[in-house]
Amino acid sequence: MTRYRITTVLALVLVACPARLLAHNGPPFPIVSDQVAGPYLVSIWTDPDTTDDGSPGGQFWVRIHLPGGAEPPPETRATVSISAADRAASQRTESASPVRGDVTNQFAGLFMDHEGRFDVRITIDGPRGRATVSSAVDATYDLRPPRWLFLLYLAPFVLVGLLWGRLLLRRRGMNRAG
């Protein structure tokens, strides 16, 4: 019986492991696709998660190209600004950084403090000139359930599995005895 207790505890530890439960809740989606702004061709992808702990849950990827498919100069940088559209709040701004050194793909994370509509403004500045792209996005809370709720939902299945295993062991013991 000790082996089954160890197996049960090990299974519960693996299920409760935070790395497994912090999986991404969905892919980013575009809010601007191939819009010409000044000398640039701009696309904006976002994963607008609202957080209560001050972490930058609002994630923005800015894709920058020149018309014709050419890459912009390495000095080209994007700045992402958001402001609440449904209430008076201060504007938040973050400079985007190239992802793995790729100037065509830049990332910025901003804190979104409530669910609702946010105005998004991207300013691109580089040797080719300056451009601005505007859009809007609806921020929502991350929809993953809390860890304790996951364990609560899993408990009946674990209990049924343990009871079934116990029943199989009893039958095996009865077959050997009889």
C-alpha atoms as a PDB file:
ATOM      1  CA  MET A   1       0.000   0.000   0.000  1.00  0.00           C
ATOM      2  CA  THR A   2       2.970   2.338   0.559  1.00  0.00           C
ATOM      3  CA  ARG A   3       3.830   2.285  -3.138  1.00  0.00           C
ATOM      4  CA  TYR A   4       0.359   3.599  -4.024  1.00  0.00           C
ATOM      5  CA  ARG A   5       0.600   6.421  -1.504  1.00  0.00           C
ATOM      6  CA  ILE A   6       3.947   7.492  -2.936  1.00  0.00           C
ATOM      7  CA  THR A   7       2.532   7.333  -6.461  1.00  0.00           C
ATOM      8  CA  THR A   8      -0.487   9.402  -5.422  1.00  0.00           C
ATOM      9  CA  VAL A   9       1.640  12.059  -3.727  1.00  0.00           C
ATOM     10  CA  LEU A  10       3.982  12.207  -6.720  1.00  0.00           C
ATOM     11  CA  ALA A  11       1.032  12.613  -9.106  1.00  0.00           C
ATOM     12  CA  LEU A  12      -0.406  15.448  -7.016  1.00  0.00           C
ATOM     13  CA  VAL A  13       2.973  17.216  -6.903  1.00  0.00           C
ATOM     14  CA  LEU A  14       3.326  16.980 -10.680  1.00  0.00           C
ATOM     15  CA  VAL A  15      -0.180  18.315 -11.221  1.00  0.00           C
ATOM     16  CA  ALA A  16       0.372  21.204  -8.816  1.00  0.00           C
ATOM     17  CA  CYS A  17       3.668  22.196 -10.453  1.00  0.00           C
ATOM     18  CA  PRO A  18       3.412  25.952 -11.256  1.00  0.00           C
ATOM     19  CA  ALA A  19       5.402  25.722 -14.503  1.00  0.00           C
ATOM     20  CA  ARG A  20       2.754  23.481 -16.010  1.00  0.00           C
ATOM     21  CA  LEU A  21      -0.128  25.745 -14.951  1.00  0.00           C
ATOM     22  CA  LEU A  22       1.418  28.992 -16.197  1.00  0.00           C
ATOM     23  CA  ALA A  23       0.928  28.033 -19.827  1.00  0.00           C
ATOM     24  CA  HIS A  24      -0.012  30.704 -22.319  1.00  0.00           C
ATOM     25  CA  ASN A  25      -3.775  31.197 -22.569  1.00  0.00           C
ATOM     26  CA  GLY A  26      -3.939  31.905 -26.285  1.00  0.00           C
ATOM     27  CA  PRO A  27      -2.088  33.350 -29.218  1.00  0.00           C
ATOM     28  CA  PRO A  28      -1.680  37.082 -29.841  1.00  0.00           C
ATOM     29  CA  PHE A  29      -3.986  38.545 -32.446  1.00  0.00           C
ATOM     30  CA  PRO A  30      -3.622  41.441 -34.917  1.00  0.00           C
ATOM     31  CA  ILE A  31      -5.216  44.827 -34.286  1.00  0.00           C
ATOM     32  CA  VAL A  32      -3.537  46.477 -37.294  1.00  0.00           C
ATOM     33  CA  SER A  33      -2.510  44.564 -40.424  1.00  0.00           C
ATOM     34  CA  ASP A  34      -0.135  45.989 -43.016  1.00  0.00           C
ATOM     35  CA  GLN A  35      -1.125  49.627 -42.609  1.00  0.00           C
ATOM     36  CA  VAL A  36       1.006  52.164 -44.478  1.00  0.00           C
ATOM     37  CA  ALA A  37       2.161  54.904 -42.100  1.00  0.00           C
ATOM     38  CA  GLY A  38       4.668  57.383 -43.498  1.00  0.00           C
ATOM     39  CA  PRO A  39       7.522  55.372 -45.022  1.00  0.00           C
ATOM     40  CA  TYR A  40       6.627  52.196 -43.083  1.00  0.00           C
ATOM     41  CA  LEU A  41       4.323  49.217 -43.460  1.00  0.00           C
ATOM     42  CA  VAL A  42       3.109  48.413 -39.925  1.00  0.00           C
ATOM     43  CA  SER A  43       1.306  45.492 -38.274  1.00  0.00           C
ATOM     44  CA  ILE A  44       0.468  45.344 -34.559  1.00  0.00           C
ATOM     45  CA  TRP A  45      -0.207  42.103 -32.692  1.00  0.00           C
ATOM     46  CA  THR A  46      -1.342  42.035 -29.089  1.00  0.00           C
ATOM     47  CA  ASP A  47      -2.226  39.864 -26.107  1.00  0.00           C
ATOM     48  CA  PRO A  48      -4.048  42.409 -23.901  1.00  0.00           C
ATOM     49  CA  ASP A  49      -4.225  40.779 -20.453  1.00  0.00           C
ATOM     50  CA  THR A  50      -5.278  42.818 -17.441  1.00  0.00           C
ATOM     51  CA  THR A  51      -3.366  42.214 -14.205  1.00  0.00           C
ATOM     52  CA  ASP A  52      -3.844  43.258 -10.590  1.00  0.00           C
ATOM     53  CA  ASP A  53      -0.236  42.839  -9.484  1.00  0.00           C
ATOM     54  CA  GLY A  54       1.314  45.576 -11.643  1.00  0.00           C
ATOM     55  CA  SER A  55       2.990  43.177 -14.064  1.00  0.00           C
ATOM     56  CA  PRO A  56       3.011  44.141 -17.758  1.00  0.00           C
ATOM     57  CA  GLY A  57       0.213  41.842 -18.953  1.00  0.00           C
ATOM     58  CA  GLY A  58      -0.544  43.966 -22.026  1.00  0.00           C
ATOM     59  CA  GLN A  59       1.849  42.615 -24.636  1.00  0.00           C
ATOM     60  CA  PHE A  60       2.392  44.293 -28.003  1.00  0.00           C
ATOM     61  CA  TRP A  61       4.447  43.153 -30.988  1.00  0.00           C
ATOM     62  CA  VAL A  62       5.090  45.764 -33.675  1.00  0.00           C
ATOM     63  CA  ARG A  63       6.061  44.488 -37.115  1.00  0.00           C
ATOM     64  CA  ILE A  64       7.804  47.135 -39.241  1.00  0.00           C
ATOM     65  CA  HIS A  65       8.704  46.838 -42.917  1.00  0.00           C
ATOM     66  CA  LEU A  66       9.285  49.238 -45.759  1.00  0.00           C
ATOM     67  CA  PRO A  67       6.906  49.068 -48.730  1.00  0.00           C
ATOM     68  CA  GLY A  68       8.254  46.513 -51.163  1.00  0.00           C
ATOM     69  CA  GLY A  69       9.350  44.167 -48.368  1.00  0.00           C
ATOM     70  CA  ALA A  70      12.664  45.847 -47.518  1.00  0.00           C
ATOM     71  CA  GLU A  71      13.875  45.917 -43.915  1.00  0.00           C
ATOM     72  CA  PRO A  72      13.987  49.230 -42.084  1.00  0.00           C
ATOM     73  CA  PRO A  73      17.342  50.631 -40.898  1.00  0.00           C
ATOM     74  CA  PRO A  74      18.631  49.134 -37.597  1.00  0.00           C
ATOM     75  CA  GLU A  75      18.076  52.457 -35.745  1.00  0.00           C
ATOM     76  CA  THR A  76      14.302  52.285 -36.323  1.00  0.00           C
ATOM     77  CA  ARG A  77      12.398  52.051 -33.024  1.00  0.00           C
ATOM     78  CA  ALA A  78       8.759  51.834 -32.017  1.00  0.00           C
ATOM     79  CA  THR A  79       7.129  53.323 -28.928  1.00  0.00           C
ATOM     80  CA  VAL A  80       3.841  51.872 -27.650  1.00  0.00           C
ATOM     81  CA  SER A  81       1.396  54.088 -25.724  1.00  0.00           C
ATOM     82  CA  ILE A  82      -1.908  53.026 -24.209  1.00  0.00           C
ATOM     83  CA  SER A  83      -4.621  54.976 -22.434  1.00  0.00           C
ATOM     84  CA  ALA A  84      -7.983  53.912 -21.080  1.00  0.00           C
ATOM     85  CA  ALA A  85     -10.782  54.798 -23.486  1.00  0.00           C
ATOM     86  CA  ASP A  86     -13.566  54.313 -20.952  1.00  0.00           C
ATOM     87  CA  ARG A  87     -12.260  56.405 -18.023  1.00  0.00           C
ATOM     88  CA  ALA A  88      -9.853  59.152 -17.149  1.00  0.00           C
ATOM     89  CA  ALA A  89      -6.436  57.611 -16.600  1.00  0.00           C
ATOM     90  CA  SER A  90      -2.865  58.493 -17.320  1.00  0.00           C
ATOM     91  CA  GLN A  91      -1.216  57.328 -20.499  1.00  0.00           C
ATOM     92  CA  ARG A  92       1.361  54.548 -20.239  1.00  0.00           C
ATOM     93  CA  THR A  93       4.285  54.466 -22.659  1.00  0.00           C
ATOM     94  CA  GLU A  94       6.987  51.893 -23.276  1.00  0.00           C
ATOM     95  CA  SER A  95       9.793  51.743 -25.848  1.00  0.00           C
ATOM     96  CA  ALA A  96       9.655  48.543 -27.864  1.00  0.00           C
ATOM     97  CA  SER A  97      12.773  46.391 -28.078  1.00  0.00           C
ATOM     98  CA  PRO A  98      13.796  44.287 -31.079  1.00  0.00           C
ATOM     99  CA  VAL A  99      13.012  40.615 -30.538  1.00  0.00           C
ATOM    100  CA  ARG A 100      16.263  38.617 -30.813  1.00  0.00           C
ATOM    101  CA  GLY A 101      17.904  41.613 -32.532  1.00  0.00           C
ATOM    102  CA  ASP A 102      15.308  41.722 -35.345  1.00  0.00           C
ATOM    103  CA  VAL A 103      14.351  45.360 -35.987  1.00  0.00           C
ATOM    104  CA  THR A 104      11.298  44.241 -38.000  1.00  0.00           C
ATOM    105  CA  ASN A 105       9.766  42.592 -34.918  1.00  0.00           C
ATOM    106  CA  GLN A 106       9.699  44.734 -31.748  1.00  0.00           C
ATOM    107  CA  PHE A 107       8.073  43.984 -28.384  1.00  0.00           C
ATOM    108  CA  ALA A 108       6.724  46.115 -25.523  1.00  0.00           C
ATOM    109  CA  GLY A 109       4.858  45.087 -22.378  1.00  0.00           C
ATOM    110  CA  LEU A 110       2.582  47.515 -20.524  1.00  0.00           C
ATOM    111  CA  PHE A 111       0.500  47.318 -17.366  1.00  0.00           C
ATOM    112  CA  MET A 112      -3.249  47.288 -18.055  1.00  0.00           C
ATOM    113  CA  ASP A 113      -5.010  47.948 -14.751  1.00  0.00           C
ATOM    114  CA  HIS A 114      -8.631  47.141 -15.622  1.00  0.00           C
ATOM    115  CA  GLU A 115     -10.863  45.330 -18.066  1.00  0.00           C
ATOM    116  CA  GLY A 116     -12.168  47.517 -20.831  1.00  0.00           C
ATOM    117  CA  ARG A 117     -11.233  49.406 -23.942  1.00  0.00           C
ATOM    118  CA  PHE A 118      -7.755  50.896 -24.356  1.00  0.00           C
ATOM    119  CA  ASP A 119      -6.594  53.245 -27.107  1.00  0.00           C
ATOM    120  CA  VAL A 120      -3.276  52.089 -28.568  1.00  0.00           C
ATOM    121  CA  ARG A 121      -0.840  54.435 -30.296  1.00  0.00           C
ATOM    122  CA  ILE A 122       2.389  53.293 -31.919  1.00  0.00           C
ATOM    123  CA  THR A 123       5.014  55.869 -32.837  1.00  0.00           C
ATOM    124  CA  ILE A 124       7.821  54.747 -35.127  1.00  0.00           C
ATOM    125  CA  ASP A 125      10.954  56.843 -35.382  1.00  0.00           C
ATOM    126  CA  GLY A 126      13.969  56.133 -37.544  1.00  0.00           C
ATOM    127  CA  PRO A 127      16.275  57.475 -40.279  1.00  0.00           C
ATOM    128  CA  ARG A 128      13.441  57.146 -42.817  1.00  0.00           C
ATOM    129  CA  GLY A 129      11.181  59.440 -40.772  1.00  0.00           C
ATOM    130  CA  ARG A 130       8.477  59.370 -38.150  1.00  0.00           C
ATOM    131  CA  ALA A 131       5.039  57.722 -38.329  1.00  0.00           C
ATOM    132  CA  THR A 132       2.099  57.077 -36.029  1.00  0.00           C
ATOM    133  CA  VAL A 133      -0.475  54.257 -36.070  1.00  0.00           C
ATOM    134  CA  SER A 134      -3.552  54.219 -33.826  1.00  0.00           C
ATOM    135  CA  SER A 135      -5.950  51.462 -32.876  1.00  0.00           C
ATOM    136  CA  ALA A 136      -7.923  50.165 -29.893  1.00  0.00           C
ATOM    137  CA  VAL A 137      -8.115  46.915 -27.967  1.00  0.00           C
ATOM    138  CA  ASP A 138     -10.323  45.374 -25.273  1.00  0.00           C
ATOM    139  CA  ALA A 139      -8.348  44.124 -22.280  1.00  0.00           C
ATOM    140  CA  THR A 140      -9.587  41.187 -20.236  1.00  0.00           C
ATOM    141  CA  TYR A 141      -8.329  39.234 -17.261  1.00  0.00           C
ATOM    142  CA  ASP A 142      -6.395  36.086 -17.956  1.00  0.00           C
ATOM    143  CA  LEU A 143      -9.058  33.382 -18.015  1.00  0.00           C
ATOM    144  CA  ARG A 144      -7.076  30.552 -16.392  1.00  0.00           C
ATOM    145  CA  PRO A 145      -8.662  29.206 -13.208  1.00  0.00           C
ATOM    146  CA  PRO A 146      -6.690  29.474  -9.967  1.00  0.00           C
ATOM    147  CA  ARG A 147      -4.506  26.473  -9.011  1.00  0.00           C
ATOM    148  CA  TRP A 148      -6.655  25.457  -6.053  1.00  0.00           C
ATOM    149  CA  LEU A 149      -9.714  25.185  -8.304  1.00  0.00           C
ATOM    150  CA  PHE A 150      -7.827  22.946 -10.718  1.00  0.00           C
ATOM    151  CA  LEU A 151      -6.938  20.618  -7.838  1.00  0.00           C
ATOM    152  CA  LEU A 152     -10.548  20.639  -6.645  1.00  0.00           C
ATOM    153  CA  TYR A 153     -11.799  19.580 -10.096  1.00  0.00           C
ATOM    154  CA  LEU A 154      -9.107  16.897 -10.327  1.00  0.00           C
ATOM    155  CA  ALA A 155      -9.842  15.376  -6.879  1.00  0.00           C
ATOM    156  CA  PRO A 156     -12.890  13.237  -7.897  1.00  0.00           C
ATOM    157  CA  PHE A 157     -10.937  11.614 -10.732  1.00  0.00           C
ATOM    158  CA  VAL A 158      -7.998  10.836  -8.450  1.00  0.00           C
ATOM    159  CA  LEU A 159     -10.338   9.357  -5.833  1.00  0.00           C
ATOM    160  CA  VAL A 160     -12.105   7.154  -8.395  1.00  0.00           C
ATOM    161  CA  GLY A 161      -8.714   5.972  -9.669  1.00  0.00           C
ATOM    162  CA  LEU A 162      -7.569   5.117  -6.137  1.00  0.00           C
ATOM    163  CA  LEU A 163     -10.798   3.222  -5.376  1.00  0.00           C
ATOM    164  CA  TRP A 164     -10.555   1.309  -8.635  1.00  0.00           C
ATOM    165  CA  GLY A 165      -6.925   0.406  -7.911  1.00  0.00           C
ATOM    166  CA  ARG A 166      -7.876  -0.785  -4.427  1.00  0.00           C
ATOM    167  CA  LEU A 167     -10.675  -2.919  -5.878  1.00  0.00           C
ATOM    168  CA  LEU A 168      -8.299  -4.497  -8.400  1.00  0.00           C
ATOM    169  CA  LEU A 169      -5.810  -5.315  -5.632  1.00  0.00           C
ATOM    170  CA  ARG A 170      -8.545  -6.944  -3.532  1.00  0.00           C
ATOM    171  CA  ARG A 171      -9.689  -9.060  -6.483  1.00  0.00           C
ATOM    172  CA  ARG A 172      -6.123 -10.097  -7.175  1.00  0.00           C
ATOM    173  CA  GLY A 173      -5.699 -11.097  -3.516  1.00  0.00           C
ATOM    174  CA  MET A 174      -8.957 -13.056  -3.556  1.00  0.00           C
ATOM    175  CA  ASN A 175      -7.915 -14.931  -6.729  1.00  0.00           C
ATOM    176  CA  ARG A 176      -4.598 -15.937  -5.154  1.00  0.00           C
ATOM    177  CA  ALA A 177      -6.276 -17.034  -1.907  1.00  0.00           C
ATOM    178  CA  GLY A 178      -9.111 -18.913  -3.582  1.00  0.00           C
END
